[in-house]
Protein backbone atom coordinates (compact mmCIF):
# COMPACT_ATOMS: atom_id res chain seq x y z
CA GLU A 1 4.96 2.03 -8.81
CA VAL A 2 6.80 2.44 -5.65
CA LEU A 3 6.29 -1.20 -4.95
CA ALA A 4 7.68 -2.10 -8.43
CA ILE A 5 10.76 -0.05 -7.75
CA LEU A 6 11.27 -1.70 -4.38
CA LYS A 7 10.89 -5.09 -5.91
CA ASP A 8 13.40 -4.18 -8.63
CA ILE A 9 15.94 -3.17 -6.00
CA PHE A 10 15.24 -6.34 -3.98
CA THR A 11 15.80 -8.41 -7.03
CA ALA A 12 19.19 -6.77 -7.73
CA ASN A 13 20.24 -6.60 -4.04
CA PRO A 14 18.10 -8.12 -1.19
CA VAL A 15 20.40 -6.72 1.46
CA PRO A 16 21.07 -2.99 0.58
CA SER A 17 23.64 -1.10 2.52
CA ALA A 18 22.64 1.42 5.16
CA GLN A 19 23.62 4.19 2.74
CA MET A 20 21.55 2.57 -0.13
CA GLN A 21 18.60 2.34 2.22
CA MET A 22 18.81 5.97 3.02
CA ILE A 23 18.95 6.89 -0.67
CA ILE A 24 15.93 4.56 -1.31
CA ALA A 25 13.99 6.14 1.54
CA GLN A 26 14.64 9.79 0.51
CA SER A 27 14.09 9.04 -3.24
CA LEU A 28 10.73 7.25 -2.61
CA ASN A 29 9.68 9.56 0.11
CA MET A 30 9.52 6.93 2.71
CA SER A 31 11.00 6.84 6.26
CA LEU A 32 14.27 4.88 6.63
CA ARG A 33 12.53 2.56 9.06
CA SER A 34 9.83 1.73 6.50
CA VAL A 35 12.44 0.80 3.94
CA GLN A 36 14.38 -1.32 6.51
CA ILE A 37 11.10 -3.18 7.47
CA TRP A 38 10.03 -3.62 3.88
CA PHE A 39 13.34 -5.40 3.07
CA GLN A 40 13.26 -7.48 6.20
CA ASN A 41 9.65 -8.55 5.53
CA ARG A 42 10.52 -9.46 1.91
CA ARG A 43 13.57 -11.47 2.90
CA GLN A 44 11.52 -13.30 5.50
CA ARG A 45 8.74 -14.02 2.98
CA LEU A 46 11.33 -15.32 0.51
CA ARG A 47 12.99 -17.65 3.21
CA ARG A 48 9.43 -18.99 4.16
CA LYS A 49 8.59 -19.61 0.55
CA GLN A 50 11.84 -21.50 0.01
CA ARG A 51 11.33 -23.64 3.10
CA GLU A 52 7.73 -24.48 2.01
CA GLY A 53 8.97 -25.45 -1.37
CA GLY A 54 6.73 -22.86 -2.90
CA ASP A 55 7.30 -20.79 -5.93
CA VAL A 56 9.34 -17.84 -4.92
CA ALA A 57 8.31 -15.91 -8.00
CA ALA A 58 4.68 -16.13 -6.91
CA PRO A 59 2.99 -12.85 -6.02
CA LEU A 60 2.47 -12.17 -2.33
CA GLU A 61 -0.98 -11.57 -0.83
CA ASP A 62 -0.39 -8.14 0.60
CA GLU A 63 1.29 -6.50 -2.37
CA GLU A 64 -1.99 -4.85 -3.45
CA GLU A 65 -2.31 -3.25 0.02
CA VAL A 66 1.30 -1.98 -0.03
CA ALA A 67 0.70 -0.51 -3.45
CA ARG A 68 -2.21 1.42 -2.37
CA GLU A 69 -0.35 2.79 0.57
CA ASP A 70 2.51 3.94 -1.73
CA THR A 71 0.52 5.63 -4.40
CA GLU A 72 1.11 9.04 -2.82
CA ALA A 73 4.88 8.48 -2.85
CA SER A 74 7.33 10.20 -4.98
CA ARG A 75 7.27 9.53 -8.76
CA LEU A 76 10.86 8.64 -9.01
CA THR A 77 11.78 6.41 -11.98
CA ARG A 78 13.71 3.10 -11.77
CA ALA A 79 16.48 4.61 -13.83
CA GLN A 80 17.17 7.43 -11.34
CA LEU A 81 17.53 4.88 -8.47
CA PHE A 82 19.96 2.64 -10.35
CA GLN A 83 22.26 5.36 -11.33
C-alpha cells in the first residue's frame, strides 16, 4: 500500500518539492533520503522506458520487493496525503 501511495503521488507530480518530500517521508514513516531516492529511481526508470520505446505503464520488476519492504510502514490513506 505504501508503494501504491508513492505511485499515486508520482503520477500527480514526478518531482515533488522538498517540503512535499518531507511530508511524504513523515506520513509514510520513511526517511527523507529514501523518498528522494525512490523518486529519483522512478524518474530514471521512466526515462529509460521512454528511450527504449517501451510501455511506460508496464509494471517494473522490483515493485514486489519494494512492496514487501514497505509493508511495515504507516497505514496512511491516499486521501490524507492529497489534502
